[in-house]
Amino acid sequence: MQLEILHVPDCPQVSPLLKLLERVTHLPVTTTMIDSIELAASRGMTGSPTLLVEDTDAFPPSEEDRRAGGLSCRLFRDHRGRTSPLPTVDQLRDALTARSLDPGADLRRS
């Protein structure tokens, strides 16, 4: 499974997202800096950070969130609809499990 984080320069949420991912999986994660609206649009970035799993947004945004995306900070919604700068560990695990091409993917259960 290929994991990639798209982010703007100096995004403060990249490091915390990487730490959350370490709690969920042993899989390698690449990071890609996005510094133009055109590049953000071509890569499907809907705010920073955007986690791609096999080149698909792990947290498909609502239409409203998609319009606000691009080079802005990204907000994630919990199960109650509250916003946060990062998804929860459970949301990450669920997103990776749902998008896994390999049922035996290396996902941690801690």
C-alpha atoms as a PDB file:
ATOM      1  CA  MET A   1       0.000   0.000   0.000  1.00  0.00           C
ATOM      2  CA  GLN A   2       1.421   3.397  -1.001  1.00  0.00           C
ATOM      3  CA  LEU A   3       0.959   6.240   1.514  1.00  0.00           C
ATOM      4  CA  GLU A   4       1.760   9.857   0.680  1.00  0.00           C
ATOM      5  CA  ILE A   5       1.161  13.091   2.541  1.00  0.00           C
ATOM      6  CA  LEU A   6       0.679  16.209   0.414  1.00  0.00           C
ATOM      7  CA  HIS A   7       1.396  19.400   2.322  1.00  0.00           C
ATOM      8  CA  VAL A   8       2.204  23.081   2.015  1.00  0.00           C
ATOM      9  CA  PRO A   9       5.620  24.417   3.107  1.00  0.00           C
ATOM     10  CA  ASP A  10       5.998  24.517   6.902  1.00  0.00           C
ATOM     11  CA  CYS A  11       2.660  22.785   7.558  1.00  0.00           C
ATOM     12  CA  PRO A  12       2.590  22.226  11.335  1.00  0.00           C
ATOM     13  CA  GLN A  13       0.404  19.115  11.007  1.00  0.00           C
ATOM     14  CA  VAL A  14       2.780  16.957   8.933  1.00  0.00           C
ATOM     15  CA  SER A  15       4.894  15.751  11.852  1.00  0.00           C
ATOM     16  CA  PRO A  16       1.888  14.967  14.091  1.00  0.00           C
ATOM     17  CA  LEU A  17       0.208  13.096  11.208  1.00  0.00           C
ATOM     18  CA  LEU A  18       3.361  11.038  10.634  1.00  0.00           C
ATOM     19  CA  LYS A  19       3.413  10.162  14.348  1.00  0.00           C
ATOM     20  CA  LEU A  20      -0.230   9.099  14.212  1.00  0.00           C
ATOM     21  CA  LEU A  21       0.489   6.949  11.167  1.00  0.00           C
ATOM     22  CA  GLU A  22       3.371   5.277  13.035  1.00  0.00           C
ATOM     23  CA  ARG A  23       0.815   4.190  15.634  1.00  0.00           C
ATOM     24  CA  VAL A  24      -1.338   2.631  12.910  1.00  0.00           C
ATOM     25  CA  THR A  25       1.063   1.080  10.400  1.00  0.00           C
ATOM     26  CA  HIS A  26       4.656   0.094   9.711  1.00  0.00           C
ATOM     27  CA  LEU A  27       4.254   1.058   6.055  1.00  0.00           C
ATOM     28  CA  PRO A  28       6.540   3.767   4.675  1.00  0.00           C
ATOM     29  CA  VAL A  29       5.027   7.198   4.118  1.00  0.00           C
ATOM     30  CA  THR A  30       6.342   9.719   1.622  1.00  0.00           C
ATOM     31  CA  THR A  31       5.772  13.439   1.949  1.00  0.00           C
ATOM     32  CA  THR A  32       5.411  15.838  -0.952  1.00  0.00           C
ATOM     33  CA  MET A  33       5.497  19.601  -0.636  1.00  0.00           C
ATOM     34  CA  ILE A  34       2.882  21.369  -2.743  1.00  0.00           C
ATOM     35  CA  ASP A  35       3.586  25.034  -3.412  1.00  0.00           C
ATOM     36  CA  SER A  36       1.131  26.081  -6.105  1.00  0.00           C
ATOM     37  CA  ILE A  37      -2.620  25.978  -6.638  1.00  0.00           C
ATOM     38  CA  GLU A  38      -2.039  24.254  -9.980  1.00  0.00           C
ATOM     39  CA  LEU A  39       0.018  21.473  -8.423  1.00  0.00           C
ATOM     40  CA  ALA A  40      -2.505  21.101  -5.584  1.00  0.00           C
ATOM     41  CA  ALA A  41      -5.338  20.731  -8.100  1.00  0.00           C
ATOM     42  CA  SER A  42      -3.424  18.260 -10.277  1.00  0.00           C
ATOM     43  CA  ARG A  43      -2.558  16.062  -7.270  1.00  0.00           C
ATOM     44  CA  GLY A  44      -6.013  16.227  -5.678  1.00  0.00           C
ATOM     45  CA  MET A  45      -4.872  18.079  -2.571  1.00  0.00           C
ATOM     46  CA  THR A  46      -7.841  19.379  -0.617  1.00  0.00           C
ATOM     47  CA  GLY A  47      -5.956  21.158   2.124  1.00  0.00           C
ATOM     48  CA  SER A  48      -2.763  20.540   4.032  1.00  0.00           C
ATOM     49  CA  PRO A  49      -2.105  17.837   4.999  1.00  0.00           C
ATOM     50  CA  THR A  50      -3.848  15.476   2.582  1.00  0.00           C
ATOM     51  CA  LEU A  51      -3.196  11.762   3.062  1.00  0.00           C
ATOM     52  CA  LEU A  52      -3.249   9.759  -0.157  1.00  0.00           C
ATOM     53  CA  VAL A  53      -3.575   5.982  -0.138  1.00  0.00           C
ATOM     54  CA  GLU A  54      -2.707   4.580  -3.538  1.00  0.00           C
ATOM     55  CA  ASP A  55      -3.110   8.131  -4.961  1.00  0.00           C
ATOM     56  CA  THR A  56      -6.639   8.487  -3.536  1.00  0.00           C
ATOM     57  CA  ASP A  57      -7.606  10.831  -0.697  1.00  0.00           C
ATOM     58  CA  ALA A  58      -7.978   8.703   2.448  1.00  0.00           C
ATOM     59  CA  PHE A  59     -10.619  11.141   3.704  1.00  0.00           C
ATOM     60  CA  PRO A  60     -12.691  12.197   0.712  1.00  0.00           C
ATOM     61  CA  PRO A  61     -13.810  15.750   1.400  1.00  0.00           C
ATOM     62  CA  SER A  62     -17.329  17.100   1.235  1.00  0.00           C
ATOM     63  CA  GLU A  63     -18.081  19.479  -1.616  1.00  0.00           C
ATOM     64  CA  GLU A  64     -17.776  22.401   0.816  1.00  0.00           C
ATOM     65  CA  ASP A  65     -14.386  21.179   2.044  1.00  0.00           C
ATOM     66  CA  ARG A  66     -13.227  20.586  -1.544  1.00  0.00           C
ATOM     67  CA  ARG A  67     -13.990  24.204  -2.474  1.00  0.00           C
ATOM     68  CA  ALA A  68     -12.049  25.435   0.582  1.00  0.00           C
ATOM     69  CA  GLY A  69      -9.097  23.098  -0.085  1.00  0.00           C
ATOM     70  CA  GLY A  70      -5.972  23.623  -2.108  1.00  0.00           C
ATOM     71  CA  LEU A  71      -3.223  25.377  -0.195  1.00  0.00           C
ATOM     72  CA  SER A  72      -5.276  26.075   2.924  1.00  0.00           C
ATOM     73  CA  CYS A  73      -5.077  24.140   6.174  1.00  0.00           C
ATOM     74  CA  ARG A  74      -7.159  21.006   6.146  1.00  0.00           C
ATOM     75  CA  LEU A  75      -9.736  20.163   8.773  1.00  0.00           C
ATOM     76  CA  PHE A  76     -10.972  16.656   9.491  1.00  0.00           C
ATOM     77  CA  ARG A  77     -14.352  15.825  10.979  1.00  0.00           C
ATOM     78  CA  ASP A  78     -14.847  13.308  13.754  1.00  0.00           C
ATOM     79  CA  HIS A  79     -17.854  10.990  14.013  1.00  0.00           C
ATOM     80  CA  ARG A  80     -19.847  13.811  15.631  1.00  0.00           C
ATOM     81  CA  GLY A  81     -18.969  16.321  12.912  1.00  0.00           C
ATOM     82  CA  ARG A  82     -16.540  18.327  15.035  1.00  0.00           C
ATOM     83  CA  THR A  83     -13.484  19.645  13.229  1.00  0.00           C
ATOM     84  CA  SER A  84      -9.870  18.909  14.079  1.00  0.00           C
ATOM     85  CA  PRO A  85      -6.540  19.570  12.347  1.00  0.00           C
ATOM     86  CA  LEU A  86      -5.881  15.796  12.313  1.00  0.00           C
ATOM     87  CA  PRO A  87      -7.911  12.603  12.042  1.00  0.00           C
ATOM     88  CA  THR A  88      -8.055  10.319  15.065  1.00  0.00           C
ATOM     89  CA  VAL A  89      -6.059   7.085  15.265  1.00  0.00           C
ATOM     90  CA  ASP A  90      -9.296   5.133  14.782  1.00  0.00           C
ATOM     91  CA  GLN A  91     -10.194   7.197  11.714  1.00  0.00           C
ATOM     92  CA  LEU A  92      -6.744   6.559  10.235  1.00  0.00           C
ATOM     93  CA  ARG A  93      -6.968   2.833  10.920  1.00  0.00           C
ATOM     94  CA  ASP A  94     -10.458   2.668   9.412  1.00  0.00           C
ATOM     95  CA  ALA A  95      -9.409   4.660   6.335  1.00  0.00           C
ATOM     96  CA  LEU A  96      -6.378   2.469   5.697  1.00  0.00           C
ATOM     97  CA  THR A  97      -8.315  -0.733   6.271  1.00  0.00           C
ATOM     98  CA  ALA A  98     -11.091   0.396   3.919  1.00  0.00           C
ATOM     99  CA  ARG A  99      -8.598   1.236   1.175  1.00  0.00           C
ATOM    100  CA  SER A 100      -6.241  -1.683   1.663  1.00  0.00           C
ATOM    101  CA  LEU A 101      -5.543  -3.717  -1.444  1.00  0.00           C
ATOM    102  CA  ASP A 102      -4.009  -6.361   0.793  1.00  0.00           C
ATOM    103  CA  PRO A 103      -6.165  -7.815   3.579  1.00  0.00           C
ATOM    104  CA  GLY A 104      -2.935  -8.676   5.395  1.00  0.00           C
ATOM    105  CA  ALA A 105      -1.642  -5.100   5.241  1.00  0.00           C
ATOM    106  CA  ASP A 106       0.690  -4.151   8.049  1.00  0.00           C
ATOM    107  CA  LEU A 107      -1.728  -2.239  10.285  1.00  0.00           C
ATOM    108  CA  ARG A 108      -1.002  -1.997  13.994  1.00  0.00           C
ATOM    109  CA  ARG A 109      -3.748  -2.677  16.518  1.00  0.00           C
ATOM    110  CA  SER A 110      -2.385  -0.627  19.442  1.00  0.00           C
END
